[in-house]
Amino acid sequence: MARVRIEEFKKAVIKVLKDRDIEPEESEVIAEKVMNLFGYDKSITDNLLSSRERDLFYMLEDYDILTTEEETAYLPSGKKWRIHYWKIKEDKIKKILSEKKEKEKTEDKSVYDDLSDEVWKRHE
């Protein structure tokens, strides 16, 4: 699957955060911040995030845009070491954007578009 571009990510974040009455400009800032943290990677290690950044990630996880994964490694001492990652859910973002396009198509459609030509003819 093709990577999500920043413009796509911004549009998806703006759409989902509209539910929380967050202004589009603020949503754009949030999206840029998140994408800057990921850079060119598909995942980011959780322990690299500040608590404020992590809060943003949890908020976007609530909207199913981000997800977490966990990996277990064993240290030489035998102890378990868990590494938590954040990932962008590219398929969900594409779905959000396609839903937006479908909604725009139906909003642009007039009630008269589905009427046949017969309806427009005058009857004598």
C-alpha atoms as a PDB file:
ATOM      1  CA  MET A   1       0.000   0.000   0.000  1.00  0.00           C
ATOM      2  CA  ALA A   2       1.230   3.491  -0.828  1.00  0.00           C
ATOM      3  CA  ARG A   3       2.400   5.631   2.058  1.00  0.00           C
ATOM      4  CA  VAL A   4       0.076   8.300   3.393  1.00  0.00           C
ATOM      5  CA  ARG A   5       1.199  11.778   2.375  1.00  0.00           C
ATOM      6  CA  ILE A   6       1.099  14.637   4.851  1.00  0.00           C
ATOM      7  CA  GLU A   7      -1.750  16.355   2.984  1.00  0.00           C
ATOM      8  CA  GLU A   8      -3.849  13.177   3.196  1.00  0.00           C
ATOM      9  CA  PHE A   9      -3.042  12.805   6.870  1.00  0.00           C
ATOM     10  CA  LYS A  10      -4.012  16.444   7.532  1.00  0.00           C
ATOM     11  CA  LYS A  11      -7.367  16.023   5.776  1.00  0.00           C
ATOM     12  CA  ALA A  12      -8.158  12.857   7.742  1.00  0.00           C
ATOM     13  CA  VAL A  13      -7.200  14.451  11.070  1.00  0.00           C
ATOM     14  CA  ILE A  14      -9.249  17.562  10.303  1.00  0.00           C
ATOM     15  CA  LYS A  15     -12.253  15.383   9.485  1.00  0.00           C
ATOM     16  CA  VAL A  16     -12.133  13.234  12.617  1.00  0.00           C
ATOM     17  CA  LEU A  17     -11.282  16.048  15.037  1.00  0.00           C
ATOM     18  CA  LYS A  18     -14.245  18.058  13.816  1.00  0.00           C
ATOM     19  CA  ASP A  19     -16.253  15.844  16.220  1.00  0.00           C
ATOM     20  CA  ARG A  20     -14.327  17.363  19.124  1.00  0.00           C
ATOM     21  CA  ASP A  21     -14.972  20.910  17.862  1.00  0.00           C
ATOM     22  CA  ILE A  22     -11.289  21.388  17.143  1.00  0.00           C
ATOM     23  CA  GLU A  23     -10.698  24.066  14.514  1.00  0.00           C
ATOM     24  CA  PRO A  24      -9.169  22.930  11.188  1.00  0.00           C
ATOM     25  CA  GLU A  25      -6.080  25.103  11.768  1.00  0.00           C
ATOM     26  CA  GLU A  26      -5.405  23.409  15.106  1.00  0.00           C
ATOM     27  CA  SER A  27      -6.036  19.983  13.567  1.00  0.00           C
ATOM     28  CA  GLU A  28      -3.474  20.791  10.866  1.00  0.00           C
ATOM     29  CA  VAL A  29      -0.883  21.667  13.516  1.00  0.00           C
ATOM     30  CA  ILE A  30      -1.592  18.368  15.287  1.00  0.00           C
ATOM     31  CA  ALA A  31      -1.269  16.413  12.028  1.00  0.00           C
ATOM     32  CA  GLU A  32       2.022  18.102  11.132  1.00  0.00           C
ATOM     33  CA  LYS A  33       3.407  17.440  14.609  1.00  0.00           C
ATOM     34  CA  VAL A  34       2.507  13.742  14.412  1.00  0.00           C
ATOM     35  CA  MET A  35       3.890  13.327  10.890  1.00  0.00           C
ATOM     36  CA  ASN A  36       7.120  15.099  11.885  1.00  0.00           C
ATOM     37  CA  LEU A  37       7.561  12.616  14.718  1.00  0.00           C
ATOM     38  CA  PHE A  38       7.172   9.681  12.322  1.00  0.00           C
ATOM     39  CA  GLY A  39       9.406  11.211   9.668  1.00  0.00           C
ATOM     40  CA  TYR A  40       9.909   8.651   6.912  1.00  0.00           C
ATOM     41  CA  ASP A  41       9.334   5.683   9.220  1.00  0.00           C
ATOM     42  CA  LYS A  42       6.158   3.625   9.397  1.00  0.00           C
ATOM     43  CA  SER A  43       6.460   3.329  13.171  1.00  0.00           C
ATOM     44  CA  ILE A  44       7.876   5.218  16.126  1.00  0.00           C
ATOM     45  CA  THR A  45       9.007   3.917  19.496  1.00  0.00           C
ATOM     46  CA  ASP A  46       6.736   5.036  22.315  1.00  0.00           C
ATOM     47  CA  ASN A  47       9.555   5.939  24.712  1.00  0.00           C
ATOM     48  CA  LEU A  48      10.711   8.682  22.311  1.00  0.00           C
ATOM     49  CA  LEU A  49       7.505  10.639  22.918  1.00  0.00           C
ATOM     50  CA  SER A  50       6.907  13.316  25.514  1.00  0.00           C
ATOM     51  CA  SER A  51       3.762  13.003  27.620  1.00  0.00           C
ATOM     52  CA  ARG A  52       2.014  15.730  25.551  1.00  0.00           C
ATOM     53  CA  GLU A  53       2.911  13.972  22.304  1.00  0.00           C
ATOM     54  CA  ARG A  54       1.702  10.669  23.729  1.00  0.00           C
ATOM     55  CA  ASP A  55      -1.612  12.319  24.643  1.00  0.00           C
ATOM     56  CA  LEU A  56      -2.021  13.388  20.991  1.00  0.00           C
ATOM     57  CA  PHE A  57      -1.276   9.851  19.887  1.00  0.00           C
ATOM     58  CA  TYR A  58      -3.860   8.408  22.283  1.00  0.00           C
ATOM     59  CA  MET A  59      -6.431  10.898  21.010  1.00  0.00           C
ATOM     60  CA  LEU A  60      -5.782   9.825  17.408  1.00  0.00           C
ATOM     61  CA  GLU A  61      -5.858   6.185  18.489  1.00  0.00           C
ATOM     62  CA  ASP A  62      -9.409   6.809  19.730  1.00  0.00           C
ATOM     63  CA  TYR A  63     -10.293   7.742  16.142  1.00  0.00           C
ATOM     64  CA  ASP A  64      -8.534   4.629  14.804  1.00  0.00           C
ATOM     65  CA  ILE A  65      -5.905   6.640  12.887  1.00  0.00           C
ATOM     66  CA  LEU A  66      -2.978   5.375  14.963  1.00  0.00           C
ATOM     67  CA  THR A  67      -2.430   2.035  16.608  1.00  0.00           C
ATOM     68  CA  THR A  68       0.054   0.502  19.009  1.00  0.00           C
ATOM     69  CA  GLU A  69       2.083  -2.659  18.754  1.00  0.00           C
ATOM     70  CA  GLU A  70       4.320  -4.372  21.225  1.00  0.00           C
ATOM     71  CA  GLU A  71       7.440  -6.463  20.847  1.00  0.00           C
ATOM     72  CA  THR A  72       9.101  -8.526  23.543  1.00  0.00           C
ATOM     73  CA  ALA A  73      12.853  -8.942  23.703  1.00  0.00           C
ATOM     74  CA  TYR A  74      14.839 -10.937  26.234  1.00  0.00           C
ATOM     75  CA  LEU A  75      17.809  -9.371  27.941  1.00  0.00           C
ATOM     76  CA  PRO A  76      20.945 -11.441  28.633  1.00  0.00           C
ATOM     77  CA  SER A  77      19.833 -11.610  32.262  1.00  0.00           C
ATOM     78  CA  GLY A  78      16.673 -13.404  31.130  1.00  0.00           C
ATOM     79  CA  LYS A  79      14.352 -10.498  31.895  1.00  0.00           C
ATOM     80  CA  LYS A  80      11.661  -9.504  29.422  1.00  0.00           C
ATOM     81  CA  TRP A  81      11.944  -6.104  27.793  1.00  0.00           C
ATOM     82  CA  ARG A  82       8.798  -4.811  26.095  1.00  0.00           C
ATOM     83  CA  ILE A  83       9.071  -2.258  23.332  1.00  0.00           C
ATOM     84  CA  HIS A  84       5.924  -0.337  22.395  1.00  0.00           C
ATOM     85  CA  TYR A  85       5.496   1.154  18.928  1.00  0.00           C
ATOM     86  CA  TRP A  86       3.005   3.525  17.338  1.00  0.00           C
ATOM     87  CA  LYS A  87       1.939   3.009  13.740  1.00  0.00           C
ATOM     88  CA  ILE A  88      -0.112   5.048  11.307  1.00  0.00           C
ATOM     89  CA  LYS A  89      -3.164   3.130  10.101  1.00  0.00           C
ATOM     90  CA  GLU A  90      -2.769   3.972   6.431  1.00  0.00           C
ATOM     91  CA  ASP A  91      -5.753   1.880   5.339  1.00  0.00           C
ATOM     92  CA  LYS A  92      -8.053   3.681   7.788  1.00  0.00           C
ATOM     93  CA  ILE A  93      -6.875   7.093   6.588  1.00  0.00           C
ATOM     94  CA  LYS A  94      -7.533   6.116   2.965  1.00  0.00           C
ATOM     95  CA  LYS A  95     -11.006   4.936   4.013  1.00  0.00           C
ATOM     96  CA  ILE A  96     -11.743   8.217   5.821  1.00  0.00           C
ATOM     97  CA  LEU A  97     -10.698  10.168   2.748  1.00  0.00           C
ATOM     98  CA  SER A  98     -12.761   8.009   0.397  1.00  0.00           C
ATOM     99  CA  GLU A  99     -15.827   8.423   2.648  1.00  0.00           C
ATOM    100  CA  LYS A 100     -15.325  12.161   2.431  1.00  0.00           C
ATOM    101  CA  LYS A 101     -15.267  12.025  -1.377  1.00  0.00           C
ATOM    102  CA  GLU A 102     -18.430   9.901  -1.471  1.00  0.00           C
ATOM    103  CA  LYS A 103     -20.193  12.338   0.850  1.00  0.00           C
ATOM    104  CA  GLU A 104     -19.161  15.278  -1.329  1.00  0.00           C
ATOM    105  CA  LYS A 105     -20.503  13.499  -4.417  1.00  0.00           C
ATOM    106  CA  THR A 106     -23.885  12.910  -2.803  1.00  0.00           C
ATOM    107  CA  GLU A 107     -24.044  16.474  -1.496  1.00  0.00           C
ATOM    108  CA  ASP A 108     -23.381  17.851  -4.975  1.00  0.00           C
ATOM    109  CA  LYS A 109     -26.080  15.692  -6.473  1.00  0.00           C
ATOM    110  CA  SER A 110     -29.380  17.401  -7.095  1.00  0.00           C
ATOM    111  CA  VAL A 111     -32.766  15.800  -6.454  1.00  0.00           C
ATOM    112  CA  TYR A 112     -33.518  16.444 -10.118  1.00  0.00           C
ATOM    113  CA  ASP A 113     -30.560  14.392 -11.370  1.00  0.00           C
ATOM    114  CA  ASP A 114     -32.403  11.088 -11.013  1.00  0.00           C
ATOM    115  CA  LEU A 115     -35.548  12.202 -12.844  1.00  0.00           C
ATOM    116  CA  SER A 116     -36.058  10.805 -16.308  1.00  0.00           C
ATOM    117  CA  ASP A 117     -36.483  12.959 -19.411  1.00  0.00           C
ATOM    118  CA  GLU A 118     -40.156  11.996 -19.505  1.00  0.00           C
ATOM    119  CA  VAL A 119     -40.857  14.028 -16.410  1.00  0.00           C
ATOM    120  CA  TRP A 120     -39.695  17.200 -18.122  1.00  0.00           C
ATOM    121  CA  LYS A 121     -42.014  16.851 -21.126  1.00  0.00           C
ATOM    122  CA  ARG A 122     -45.224  18.830 -21.091  1.00  0.00           C
ATOM    123  CA  HIS A 123     -48.391  16.822 -21.418  1.00  0.00           C
ATOM    124  CA  GLU A 124     -51.111  18.258 -23.640  1.00  0.00           C
END
